[in-house]
């Protein structure tokens, strides 16, 4: 049976909690471990209370935990709908155990330099100027090239612009549909509009 692991985070400024001028190393490591878990074939979902409160309201298990313990129980980790951890982020080894994977320590690619590149991308996505300046300087201190930082910015830009394009396309489709509908109504009613000329030979108009 494929297991599903859900993480219900406390309220954070972004979906990973790794943006901002002060990055929590534990969150950086957990973000890498969570992605590693997804790569092992486990179904994973992660929610942020500040951005996705509907997910918390939709889960009776999560609502009950919040009612009993308050926000102190976050993060909550659920496996197949049951709480297996609350109040802290597990290590990769613990996370693998909770998901029923073999106890294998895979090497992490999430170095301090990679963390700064991710934070640069997150600052672009969240329009946070102080965040970008801070992480730009930190990345330079770690020897990250301007070219790699530019790639992180371009990736974040592409991700950020995609939903904007989608909603504009949706708006255009609705606007065009509405205009077409209005045009059809005008065609259907123009012959009966006030002041319209009756067809030749007629005595009461085309709609009488």
N, C-alpha and C. Protein backbone atom coordinates (compact mmCIF):
# COMPACT_ATOMS: atom_id res chain seq x y z
N UNK A 1 0.84 -1.20 0.00
CA UNK A 1 0.00 0.00 0.00
C UNK A 1 0.88 1.25 0.00
N UNK A 2 0.63 2.14 -0.97
CA UNK A 2 1.39 3.38 -1.03
C UNK A 2 0.92 4.31 0.08
N UNK A 3 1.86 4.79 0.86
CA UNK A 3 1.49 5.65 1.97
C UNK A 3 1.46 7.11 1.55
N UNK A 4 0.59 7.86 2.21
CA UNK A 4 0.48 9.29 1.96
C UNK A 4 0.92 10.04 3.21
N UNK A 5 1.88 10.92 3.05
CA UNK A 5 2.39 11.70 4.17
C UNK A 5 1.97 13.16 3.97
N UNK A 6 1.33 13.72 4.99
CA UNK A 6 0.89 15.11 4.94
C UNK A 6 1.55 15.90 6.06
N UNK A 7 2.04 17.08 5.73
CA UNK A 7 2.64 17.96 6.72
C UNK A 7 1.76 19.20 6.86
N UNK A 8 1.34 19.48 8.07
CA UNK A 8 0.56 20.68 8.36
C UNK A 8 1.45 21.62 9.17
N UNK A 9 2.02 22.61 8.47
CA UNK A 9 2.97 23.53 9.09
C UNK A 9 2.26 24.62 9.89
N UNK A 10 2.98 25.24 10.83
CA UNK A 10 2.45 26.44 11.48
C UNK A 10 2.43 27.58 10.46
N UNK A 11 1.80 28.72 10.79
CA UNK A 11 1.78 29.83 9.83
C UNK A 11 3.20 30.34 9.54
N UNK A 12 3.53 30.40 8.25
CA UNK A 12 4.85 30.86 7.82
C UNK A 12 4.67 31.81 6.65
N UNK A 13 5.73 32.58 6.33
CA UNK A 13 5.62 33.60 5.29
C UNK A 13 5.56 32.99 3.90
N UNK A 14 6.03 31.77 3.72
CA UNK A 14 5.92 31.11 2.42
C UNK A 14 5.70 29.62 2.66
N UNK A 15 5.49 28.88 1.59
CA UNK A 15 5.10 27.48 1.72
C UNK A 15 6.18 26.61 2.34
N UNK A 16 7.44 27.04 2.27
CA UNK A 16 8.52 26.23 2.85
C UNK A 16 9.04 26.79 4.17
N UNK A 17 8.81 28.08 4.41
CA UNK A 17 9.32 28.69 5.62
C UNK A 17 10.80 29.01 5.57
N UNK A 18 11.39 28.98 4.36
CA UNK A 18 12.84 29.21 4.27
C UNK A 18 13.16 30.55 3.64
N UNK A 19 12.16 31.42 3.47
CA UNK A 19 12.48 32.76 3.00
C UNK A 19 12.57 33.69 4.20
N UNK A 20 12.93 34.92 3.98
CA UNK A 20 13.13 35.85 5.08
C UNK A 20 14.60 36.02 5.39
N UNK A 21 14.93 37.03 6.18
CA UNK A 21 16.34 37.33 6.46
C UNK A 21 17.02 36.34 7.39
N UNK A 22 16.25 35.52 8.08
CA UNK A 22 16.85 34.56 9.01
C UNK A 22 16.28 33.19 8.74
N UNK A 23 17.05 32.35 8.05
CA UNK A 23 16.58 31.03 7.66
C UNK A 23 16.87 30.01 8.75
N UNK A 24 15.86 29.24 9.12
CA UNK A 24 16.03 28.19 10.11
C UNK A 24 16.66 26.97 9.42
N UNK A 25 17.88 26.58 9.81
CA UNK A 25 18.53 25.43 9.16
C UNK A 25 17.71 24.15 9.24
N UNK A 26 16.93 24.00 10.31
CA UNK A 26 16.10 22.80 10.46
C UNK A 26 15.04 22.74 9.37
N UNK A 27 14.48 23.92 9.01
CA UNK A 27 13.48 23.96 7.95
C UNK A 27 14.09 23.70 6.59
N UNK A 28 15.30 24.21 6.40
CA UNK A 28 16.01 23.96 5.14
C UNK A 28 16.26 22.47 4.96
N UNK A 29 16.73 21.83 6.01
CA UNK A 29 17.00 20.39 5.94
C UNK A 29 15.72 19.60 5.75
N UNK A 30 14.67 20.00 6.47
CA UNK A 30 13.41 19.26 6.35
C UNK A 30 12.83 19.39 4.95
N UNK A 31 12.96 20.58 4.34
CA UNK A 31 12.47 20.76 2.97
C UNK A 31 13.17 19.79 2.03
N UNK A 32 14.47 19.61 2.21
CA UNK A 32 15.23 18.66 1.39
C UNK A 32 14.78 17.22 1.68
N UNK A 33 14.59 16.91 2.95
CA UNK A 33 14.19 15.55 3.32
C UNK A 33 12.78 15.23 2.79
N UNK A 34 11.92 16.23 2.80
CA UNK A 34 10.55 16.03 2.32
C UNK A 34 10.55 15.75 0.82
N UNK A 35 11.38 16.50 0.08
CA UNK A 35 11.50 16.24 -1.35
C UNK A 35 12.11 14.87 -1.62
N UNK A 36 13.06 14.48 -0.78
CA UNK A 36 13.66 13.15 -0.90
C UNK A 36 12.59 12.08 -0.71
N UNK A 37 11.70 12.30 0.26
CA UNK A 37 10.63 11.34 0.52
C UNK A 37 9.74 11.19 -0.71
N UNK A 38 9.43 12.31 -1.36
CA UNK A 38 8.60 12.26 -2.57
C UNK A 38 9.30 11.46 -3.66
N UNK A 39 10.62 11.56 -3.72
CA UNK A 39 11.38 10.82 -4.71
C UNK A 39 11.42 9.32 -4.47
N UNK A 40 10.99 8.88 -3.29
CA UNK A 40 10.96 7.45 -2.96
C UNK A 40 9.62 6.81 -3.30
N UNK A 41 8.75 7.57 -3.98
CA UNK A 41 7.46 7.02 -4.37
C UNK A 41 6.36 7.22 -3.36
N UNK A 42 6.62 8.00 -2.30
CA UNK A 42 5.61 8.27 -1.28
C UNK A 42 4.77 9.48 -1.72
N UNK A 43 3.46 9.40 -1.55
CA UNK A 43 2.59 10.54 -1.83
C UNK A 43 2.78 11.57 -0.72
N UNK A 44 3.11 12.78 -1.09
CA UNK A 44 3.37 13.81 -0.08
C UNK A 44 2.56 15.06 -0.36
N UNK A 45 2.13 15.70 0.70
CA UNK A 45 1.43 16.99 0.62
C UNK A 45 1.91 17.83 1.79
N UNK A 46 2.09 19.13 1.55
CA UNK A 46 2.51 20.03 2.61
C UNK A 46 1.65 21.28 2.59
N UNK A 47 1.17 21.69 3.77
CA UNK A 47 0.25 22.83 3.86
C UNK A 47 0.81 23.87 4.84
N UNK A 48 0.50 25.11 4.55
CA UNK A 48 0.92 26.25 5.37
C UNK A 48 -0.34 26.91 5.94
N UNK A 49 -0.44 27.01 7.25
CA UNK A 49 -1.64 27.55 7.89
C UNK A 49 -1.93 28.97 7.44
N UNK A 50 -0.88 29.76 7.16
CA UNK A 50 -1.09 31.15 6.76
C UNK A 50 -1.64 31.27 5.34
N UNK A 51 -1.36 30.27 4.51
CA UNK A 51 -1.75 30.36 3.10
C UNK A 51 -2.83 29.37 2.69
N UNK A 52 -2.98 28.28 3.44
CA UNK A 52 -3.95 27.25 3.06
C UNK A 52 -4.81 26.83 4.25
N UNK A 53 -5.47 27.78 4.91
CA UNK A 53 -6.27 27.42 6.09
C UNK A 53 -7.40 26.44 5.78
N UNK A 54 -7.86 26.42 4.51
CA UNK A 54 -8.95 25.52 4.15
C UNK A 54 -8.56 24.06 4.31
N UNK A 55 -7.27 23.76 4.11
CA UNK A 55 -6.81 22.37 4.27
C UNK A 55 -6.93 21.93 5.73
N UNK A 56 -6.69 22.84 6.65
CA UNK A 56 -6.78 22.54 8.08
C UNK A 56 -8.24 22.37 8.50
N UNK A 57 -9.09 23.22 7.93
CA UNK A 57 -10.51 23.13 8.25
C UNK A 57 -11.15 21.88 7.68
N UNK A 58 -10.59 21.37 6.57
CA UNK A 58 -11.17 20.21 5.90
C UNK A 58 -10.82 18.89 6.58
N UNK A 59 -9.81 18.89 7.45
CA UNK A 59 -9.39 17.65 8.12
C UNK A 59 -9.91 17.63 9.56
N UNK A 60 -10.78 16.68 9.84
CA UNK A 60 -11.32 16.55 11.20
C UNK A 60 -10.21 16.22 12.19
N UNK A 61 -9.24 15.44 11.75
CA UNK A 61 -8.12 15.05 12.62
C UNK A 61 -7.30 16.28 13.02
N UNK A 62 -7.00 17.12 12.03
CA UNK A 62 -6.22 18.33 12.30
C UNK A 62 -7.01 19.31 13.14
N UNK A 63 -8.28 19.47 12.83
CA UNK A 63 -9.12 20.39 13.63
C UNK A 63 -9.18 19.96 15.09
N UNK A 64 -9.30 18.66 15.32
CA UNK A 64 -9.36 18.16 16.69
C UNK A 64 -8.05 18.42 17.43
N UNK A 65 -6.93 18.23 16.75
CA UNK A 65 -5.62 18.47 17.38
C UNK A 65 -5.44 19.95 17.71
N UNK A 66 -5.85 20.82 16.79
CA UNK A 66 -5.74 22.26 17.03
C UNK A 66 -6.65 22.70 18.18
N UNK A 67 -7.83 22.11 18.25
CA UNK A 67 -8.75 22.46 19.33
C UNK A 67 -8.20 22.02 20.69
N UNK A 68 -7.49 20.91 20.71
CA UNK A 68 -6.97 20.38 21.97
C UNK A 68 -5.66 21.02 22.38
N UNK A 69 -4.75 21.22 21.42
CA UNK A 69 -3.40 21.68 21.75
C UNK A 69 -3.09 23.10 21.27
N UNK A 70 -3.93 23.65 20.41
CA UNK A 70 -3.61 24.95 19.82
C UNK A 70 -2.52 24.81 18.77
N UNK A 71 -1.97 25.95 18.36
CA UNK A 71 -0.94 25.94 17.32
C UNK A 71 0.36 25.27 17.77
N UNK A 72 0.49 25.01 19.08
CA UNK A 72 1.71 24.35 19.58
C UNK A 72 1.86 22.94 19.03
N UNK A 73 0.77 22.36 18.53
CA UNK A 73 0.88 20.99 18.01
C UNK A 73 1.46 20.98 16.59
N UNK A 74 1.59 22.16 15.98
CA UNK A 74 2.13 22.23 14.63
C UNK A 74 3.66 22.26 14.67
N UNK A 75 4.35 21.62 13.73
CA UNK A 75 3.78 20.90 12.59
C UNK A 75 3.17 19.55 12.99
N UNK A 76 2.07 19.23 12.32
CA UNK A 76 1.48 17.91 12.45
C UNK A 76 1.88 17.08 11.24
N UNK A 77 2.25 15.84 11.49
CA UNK A 77 2.58 14.94 10.39
C UNK A 77 1.60 13.78 10.43
N UNK A 78 0.89 13.61 9.32
CA UNK A 78 -0.10 12.55 9.20
C UNK A 78 0.37 11.53 8.17
N UNK A 79 0.19 10.27 8.49
CA UNK A 79 0.45 9.19 7.53
C UNK A 79 -0.86 8.45 7.33
N UNK A 80 -1.34 8.46 6.10
CA UNK A 80 -2.64 7.86 5.77
C UNK A 80 -3.75 8.38 6.68
N UNK A 81 -3.68 9.69 6.98
CA UNK A 81 -4.75 10.33 7.75
C UNK A 81 -4.61 10.27 9.24
N UNK A 82 -3.62 9.57 9.77
CA UNK A 82 -3.43 9.45 11.22
C UNK A 82 -2.20 10.24 11.65
N UNK A 83 -2.31 10.93 12.78
CA UNK A 83 -1.19 11.73 13.29
C UNK A 83 -0.08 10.80 13.80
N UNK A 84 1.13 11.00 13.29
CA UNK A 84 2.27 10.20 13.75
C UNK A 84 3.33 11.06 14.42
N UNK A 85 3.20 12.39 14.30
CA UNK A 85 4.18 13.28 14.93
C UNK A 85 3.53 14.66 15.07
N UNK A 86 3.85 15.35 16.15
CA UNK A 86 3.35 16.71 16.30
C UNK A 86 4.36 17.56 17.06
N UNK A 87 4.41 18.84 16.69
CA UNK A 87 5.20 19.81 17.43
C UNK A 87 6.65 19.92 17.04
N UNK A 88 7.14 19.09 16.11
CA UNK A 88 8.55 19.18 15.71
C UNK A 88 8.73 18.54 14.34
N UNK A 89 9.85 18.88 13.70
CA UNK A 89 10.16 18.30 12.40
C UNK A 89 11.11 17.11 12.58
N UNK A 90 10.72 15.96 12.07
CA UNK A 90 11.58 14.77 12.23
C UNK A 90 12.81 14.83 11.32
N UNK A 91 13.81 14.07 11.65
CA UNK A 91 14.99 13.93 10.79
C UNK A 91 14.61 13.07 9.59
N UNK A 92 15.52 12.99 8.62
CA UNK A 92 15.24 12.15 7.45
C UNK A 92 15.06 10.69 7.87
N UNK A 93 15.88 10.24 8.80
CA UNK A 93 15.77 8.86 9.26
C UNK A 93 14.41 8.60 9.90
N UNK A 94 13.97 9.56 10.74
CA UNK A 94 12.66 9.42 11.39
C UNK A 94 11.54 9.50 10.37
N UNK A 95 11.68 10.41 9.40
CA UNK A 95 10.66 10.58 8.37
C UNK A 95 10.53 9.31 7.54
N UNK A 96 11.66 8.70 7.20
CA UNK A 96 11.64 7.46 6.44
C UNK A 96 10.94 6.36 7.24
N UNK A 97 11.21 6.32 8.55
CA UNK A 97 10.57 5.32 9.40
C UNK A 97 9.06 5.52 9.47
N UNK A 98 8.63 6.78 9.59
CA UNK A 98 7.20 7.08 9.65
C UNK A 98 6.50 6.69 8.36
N UNK A 99 7.22 6.82 7.25
CA UNK A 99 6.64 6.49 5.94
C UNK A 99 6.77 5.01 5.61
N UNK A 100 7.43 4.24 6.48
CA UNK A 100 7.57 2.81 6.26
C UNK A 100 8.66 2.45 5.27
N UNK A 101 9.63 3.36 5.08
CA UNK A 101 10.73 3.07 4.17
C UNK A 101 11.87 2.40 4.94
N UNK A 102 12.74 1.77 4.21
CA UNK A 102 13.90 1.16 4.83
C UNK A 102 14.81 2.25 5.39
N UNK A 103 15.50 1.93 6.42
CA UNK A 103 16.39 2.89 7.09
C UNK A 103 17.65 3.09 6.26
N UNK A 104 17.55 3.99 5.30
CA UNK A 104 18.69 4.28 4.45
C UNK A 104 18.96 5.78 4.45
N UNK A 105 20.18 6.12 4.68
CA UNK A 105 20.57 7.53 4.67
C UNK A 105 21.10 7.89 3.29
N UNK A 106 20.26 8.58 2.52
CA UNK A 106 20.71 9.03 1.20
C UNK A 106 21.47 10.34 1.37
N UNK A 107 22.55 10.52 0.61
CA UNK A 107 23.31 11.77 0.72
C UNK A 107 22.46 12.96 0.29
N UNK A 108 22.54 14.02 1.05
CA UNK A 108 21.76 15.21 0.73
C UNK A 108 22.56 16.16 -0.15
N UNK A 109 21.89 16.71 -1.16
CA UNK A 109 22.49 17.71 -2.04
C UNK A 109 22.21 19.12 -1.54
N UNK A 110 21.52 19.22 -0.42
CA UNK A 110 21.07 20.52 0.05
C UNK A 110 22.16 21.20 0.89
N UNK A 111 23.11 21.79 0.18
CA UNK A 111 24.20 22.50 0.85
C UNK A 111 23.75 23.91 1.24
N UNK A 112 24.60 24.62 1.95
CA UNK A 112 24.29 26.00 2.33
C UNK A 112 24.14 26.87 1.09
N UNK A 113 24.96 26.61 0.06
CA UNK A 113 24.86 27.38 -1.17
C UNK A 113 23.53 27.13 -1.88
N UNK A 114 23.11 25.86 -1.93
CA UNK A 114 21.83 25.52 -2.55
C UNK A 114 20.69 26.17 -1.78
N UNK A 115 20.80 26.17 -0.45
CA UNK A 115 19.77 26.79 0.38
C UNK A 115 19.62 28.28 0.05
N UNK A 116 20.75 28.96 -0.19
CA UNK A 116 20.67 30.38 -0.53
C UNK A 116 20.05 30.60 -1.92
N UNK A 117 20.33 29.69 -2.86
CA UNK A 117 19.71 29.80 -4.19
C UNK A 117 18.20 29.61 -4.08
N UNK A 118 17.78 28.65 -3.26
CA UNK A 118 16.35 28.44 -3.04
C UNK A 118 15.72 29.67 -2.39
N UNK A 119 16.42 30.24 -1.42
CA UNK A 119 15.90 31.42 -0.73
C UNK A 119 15.82 32.62 -1.68
N UNK A 120 16.77 32.74 -2.61
CA UNK A 120 16.71 33.81 -3.61
C UNK A 120 15.46 33.63 -4.47
N UNK A 121 15.21 32.39 -4.91
CA UNK A 121 14.01 32.13 -5.69
C UNK A 121 12.75 32.42 -4.91
N UNK A 122 12.73 32.05 -3.61
CA UNK A 122 11.56 32.30 -2.78
C UNK A 122 11.33 33.80 -2.59
N UNK A 123 12.41 34.57 -2.48
CA UNK A 123 12.26 36.02 -2.30
C UNK A 123 11.67 36.67 -3.55
N UNK A 124 12.03 36.15 -4.73
CA UNK A 124 11.44 36.66 -5.97
C UNK A 124 9.96 36.30 -6.02
N UNK A 125 9.64 35.07 -5.68
CA UNK A 125 8.25 34.61 -5.73
C UNK A 125 7.36 35.37 -4.75
N UNK A 126 7.93 35.79 -3.61
CA UNK A 126 7.13 36.47 -2.59
C UNK A 126 7.28 37.99 -2.61
N UNK A 127 8.00 38.52 -3.63
CA UNK A 127 8.20 39.98 -3.77
C UNK A 127 8.83 40.60 -2.53
N UNK A 128 9.78 39.89 -1.93
CA UNK A 128 10.40 40.37 -0.69
C UNK A 128 11.79 40.95 -1.00
N UNK A 129 11.88 42.28 -1.11
CA UNK A 129 13.15 42.92 -1.44
C UNK A 129 14.22 42.73 -0.37
N UNK A 130 13.90 42.92 0.93
CA UNK A 130 14.92 42.70 1.96
C UNK A 130 15.43 41.26 1.94
N UNK A 131 14.53 40.30 1.67
CA UNK A 131 14.94 38.90 1.61
C UNK A 131 15.95 38.69 0.49
N UNK A 132 15.65 39.26 -0.69
CA UNK A 132 16.54 39.07 -1.83
C UNK A 132 17.92 39.65 -1.54
N UNK A 133 17.96 40.87 -1.00
CA UNK A 133 19.25 41.52 -0.72
C UNK A 133 20.06 40.70 0.28
N UNK A 134 19.40 40.20 1.31
CA UNK A 134 20.09 39.42 2.34
C UNK A 134 20.67 38.14 1.74
N UNK A 135 19.84 37.40 1.01
CA UNK A 135 20.29 36.11 0.49
C UNK A 135 21.26 36.27 -0.67
N UNK A 136 21.17 37.37 -1.40
CA UNK A 136 22.15 37.65 -2.44
C UNK A 136 23.54 37.81 -1.82
N UNK A 137 23.59 38.59 -0.74
CA UNK A 137 24.89 38.79 -0.06
C UNK A 137 25.41 37.49 0.55
N UNK A 138 24.51 36.70 1.16
CA UNK A 138 24.92 35.43 1.75
C UNK A 138 25.44 34.48 0.68
N UNK A 139 24.78 34.46 -0.47
CA UNK A 139 25.20 33.58 -1.56
C UNK A 139 26.59 33.98 -2.07
N UNK A 140 26.82 35.28 -2.17
CA UNK A 140 28.15 35.74 -2.62
C UNK A 140 29.23 35.34 -1.63
N UNK A 141 28.90 35.43 -0.33
CA UNK A 141 29.87 35.03 0.70
C UNK A 141 30.23 33.54 0.57
N UNK A 142 29.28 32.75 0.10
CA UNK A 142 29.51 31.31 -0.04
C UNK A 142 30.13 30.95 -1.38
N UNK A 143 30.39 31.97 -2.21
CA UNK A 143 31.03 31.72 -3.49
C UNK A 143 30.09 31.34 -4.61
N UNK A 144 28.80 31.56 -4.42
CA UNK A 144 27.83 31.26 -5.48
C UNK A 144 28.02 32.27 -6.61
N UNK A 145 28.07 31.79 -7.83
CA UNK A 145 28.29 32.67 -8.98
C UNK A 145 27.05 33.49 -9.30
N UNK A 146 27.26 34.65 -9.92
CA UNK A 146 26.15 35.49 -10.36
C UNK A 146 25.31 34.73 -11.38
N UNK A 147 25.95 33.91 -12.20
CA UNK A 147 25.23 33.15 -13.21
C UNK A 147 24.23 32.18 -12.56
N UNK A 148 24.66 31.51 -11.48
CA UNK A 148 23.76 30.58 -10.80
C UNK A 148 22.63 31.33 -10.10
N UNK A 149 22.93 32.49 -9.55
CA UNK A 149 21.87 33.28 -8.93
C UNK A 149 20.88 33.75 -9.98
N UNK A 150 21.38 34.10 -11.16
CA UNK A 150 20.49 34.54 -12.26
C UNK A 150 19.58 33.39 -12.68
N UNK A 151 20.11 32.16 -12.68
CA UNK A 151 19.28 31.00 -13.02
C UNK A 151 18.17 30.81 -11.99
N UNK A 152 18.51 31.00 -10.72
CA UNK A 152 17.50 30.88 -9.66
C UNK A 152 16.41 31.92 -9.83
N UNK A 153 16.81 33.14 -10.19
CA UNK A 153 15.84 34.23 -10.41
C UNK A 153 14.95 33.91 -11.60
N UNK A 154 15.53 33.42 -12.70
CA UNK A 154 14.76 33.09 -13.89
C UNK A 154 13.77 31.96 -13.62
N UNK A 155 14.22 30.97 -12.84
CA UNK A 155 13.32 29.87 -12.50
C UNK A 155 12.14 30.37 -11.67
N UNK A 156 12.44 31.21 -10.67
CA UNK A 156 11.37 31.76 -9.83
C UNK A 156 10.44 32.64 -10.65
N UNK A 157 11.00 33.40 -11.58
CA UNK A 157 10.20 34.27 -12.44
C UNK A 157 9.23 33.44 -13.28
N UNK A 158 9.74 32.35 -13.85
CA UNK A 158 8.89 31.50 -14.69
C UNK A 158 7.75 30.88 -13.88
N UNK A 159 8.09 30.42 -12.66
CA UNK A 159 7.06 29.83 -11.79
C UNK A 159 6.04 30.89 -11.38
N UNK A 160 6.52 32.08 -11.09
CA UNK A 160 5.65 33.16 -10.63
C UNK A 160 4.73 33.65 -11.74
N UNK A 161 5.24 33.72 -12.97
CA UNK A 161 4.46 34.27 -14.08
C UNK A 161 3.43 33.29 -14.62
N UNK A 162 3.66 32.00 -14.40
CA UNK A 162 2.75 30.99 -14.95
C UNK A 162 1.31 31.17 -14.47
N UNK A 163 1.05 31.28 -13.14
CA UNK A 163 -0.35 31.48 -12.71
C UNK A 163 -0.90 32.81 -13.16
N UNK A 164 -0.04 33.84 -13.30
CA UNK A 164 -0.51 35.15 -13.77
C UNK A 164 -1.01 35.04 -15.20
N UNK A 165 -0.26 34.31 -16.04
CA UNK A 165 -0.70 34.11 -17.42
C UNK A 165 -1.99 33.32 -17.47
N UNK A 166 -2.09 32.32 -16.62
CA UNK A 166 -3.28 31.47 -16.62
C UNK A 166 -4.53 32.25 -16.26
N UNK A 167 -4.44 33.10 -15.24
CA UNK A 167 -5.63 33.84 -14.82
C UNK A 167 -5.99 34.91 -15.85
N UNK A 168 -5.01 35.47 -16.53
CA UNK A 168 -5.30 36.42 -17.60
C UNK A 168 -5.98 35.73 -18.78
N UNK A 169 -5.51 34.54 -19.11
CA UNK A 169 -6.15 33.79 -20.18
C UNK A 169 -7.59 33.44 -19.81
N UNK A 170 -7.80 33.08 -18.54
CA UNK A 170 -9.15 32.78 -18.08
C UNK A 170 -10.03 34.02 -18.19
N UNK A 171 -9.50 35.18 -17.76
CA UNK A 171 -10.27 36.42 -17.83
C UNK A 171 -10.61 36.76 -19.27
N UNK A 172 -9.64 36.59 -20.18
CA UNK A 172 -9.90 36.89 -21.59
C UNK A 172 -10.97 35.98 -22.17
N UNK A 173 -10.93 34.69 -21.79
CA UNK A 173 -11.95 33.76 -22.28
C UNK A 173 -13.33 34.17 -21.81
N UNK A 174 -13.45 34.56 -20.56
CA UNK A 174 -14.75 34.97 -20.02
C UNK A 174 -15.21 36.27 -20.66
N UNK A 175 -14.29 37.21 -20.85
CA UNK A 175 -14.66 38.48 -21.45
C UNK A 175 -15.11 38.30 -22.89
N UNK A 176 -14.39 37.46 -23.65
CA UNK A 176 -14.77 37.22 -25.04
C UNK A 176 -16.11 36.50 -25.12
N UNK A 177 -16.32 35.56 -24.20
CA UNK A 177 -17.60 34.85 -24.18
C UNK A 177 -18.74 35.79 -23.86
N UNK A 178 -18.49 36.72 -22.93
CA UNK A 178 -19.52 37.68 -22.55
C UNK A 178 -19.83 38.62 -23.71
N UNK A 179 -18.79 39.08 -24.42
CA UNK A 179 -19.00 39.96 -25.56
C UNK A 179 -19.76 39.25 -26.66
N UNK A 180 -19.42 37.99 -26.91
CA UNK A 180 -20.12 37.22 -27.94
C UNK A 180 -21.58 37.05 -27.58
N UNK A 181 -21.84 36.82 -26.29
CA UNK A 181 -23.22 36.66 -25.82
C UNK A 181 -24.01 37.94 -26.01
N UNK A 182 -23.38 39.08 -25.71
CA UNK A 182 -24.07 40.37 -25.90
C UNK A 182 -24.37 40.62 -27.37
N UNK A 183 -23.40 40.27 -28.24
CA UNK A 183 -23.60 40.46 -29.67
C UNK A 183 -24.77 39.65 -30.18
N UNK A 184 -24.92 38.41 -29.68
CA UNK A 184 -26.02 37.55 -30.08
C UNK A 184 -27.35 38.13 -29.62
N UNK A 185 -27.39 38.68 -28.42
CA UNK A 185 -28.62 39.27 -27.91
C UNK A 185 -29.03 40.49 -28.74
N UNK A 186 -28.05 41.28 -29.16
CA UNK A 186 -28.35 42.45 -29.99
C UNK A 186 -28.93 42.01 -31.31
N UNK A 187 -28.36 40.98 -31.93
CA UNK A 187 -28.86 40.47 -33.21
C UNK A 187 -30.29 39.97 -33.08
N UNK A 188 -30.57 39.31 -31.94
CA UNK A 188 -31.90 38.72 -31.75
C UNK A 188 -32.96 39.78 -31.47
N UNK A 189 -32.57 40.90 -30.89
CA UNK A 189 -33.57 41.88 -30.47
C UNK A 189 -33.59 43.13 -31.30
N UNK A 190 -32.65 43.32 -32.23
CA UNK A 190 -32.55 44.58 -32.95
C UNK A 190 -33.78 44.87 -33.79
N UNK A 191 -34.42 43.83 -34.37
CA UNK A 191 -35.57 44.09 -35.24
C UNK A 191 -36.79 44.52 -34.47
N UNK A 192 -36.78 44.29 -33.17
CA UNK A 192 -37.92 44.68 -32.33
C UNK A 192 -37.58 45.85 -31.42
N UNK A 193 -36.36 46.40 -31.61
CA UNK A 193 -35.95 47.49 -30.73
C UNK A 193 -36.79 48.72 -30.99
N UNK A 194 -36.98 49.57 -29.98
CA UNK A 194 -37.75 50.82 -30.18
C UNK A 194 -37.15 51.64 -31.31
N UNK A 195 -38.03 52.11 -32.22
CA UNK A 195 -37.56 52.95 -33.32
C UNK A 195 -37.10 52.18 -34.52
N UNK A 196 -37.17 50.82 -34.48
CA UNK A 196 -36.71 50.05 -35.63
C UNK A 196 -37.72 50.14 -36.75
N UNK A 197 -37.26 50.00 -37.98
CA UNK A 197 -38.13 50.10 -39.16
C UNK A 197 -38.78 48.77 -39.43
N UNK A 198 -40.09 48.76 -39.67
CA UNK A 198 -40.80 47.53 -39.97
C UNK A 198 -40.41 47.01 -41.34
N UNK A 199 -40.42 45.69 -41.52
CA UNK A 199 -40.15 45.14 -42.84
C UNK A 199 -41.20 45.62 -43.83
N UNK A 200 -40.79 45.76 -45.09
CA UNK A 200 -41.70 46.24 -46.12
C UNK A 200 -42.88 45.32 -46.25
N UNK A 201 -44.10 45.90 -46.31
CA UNK A 201 -45.31 45.09 -46.44
C UNK A 201 -45.86 44.64 -45.12
N UNK A 202 -45.11 44.84 -44.05
CA UNK A 202 -45.57 44.40 -42.75
C UNK A 202 -46.47 45.42 -42.11
N UNK A 203 -47.20 45.00 -41.13
CA UNK A 203 -48.11 45.91 -40.48
C UNK A 203 -47.86 46.00 -39.01
N UNK A 204 -47.04 45.13 -38.48
CA UNK A 204 -46.88 45.18 -37.02
C UNK A 204 -45.50 44.87 -36.55
N UNK A 205 -44.47 44.84 -37.43
CA UNK A 205 -43.12 44.51 -37.00
C UNK A 205 -42.89 43.02 -37.06
N UNK A 206 -41.56 42.63 -37.08
CA UNK A 206 -41.21 41.21 -37.28
C UNK A 206 -41.57 40.35 -36.08
N UNK A 207 -41.77 40.92 -34.91
CA UNK A 207 -42.05 40.11 -33.72
C UNK A 207 -43.53 40.09 -33.37
N UNK A 208 -44.38 40.73 -34.18
CA UNK A 208 -45.80 40.74 -33.86
C UNK A 208 -46.54 39.63 -34.58
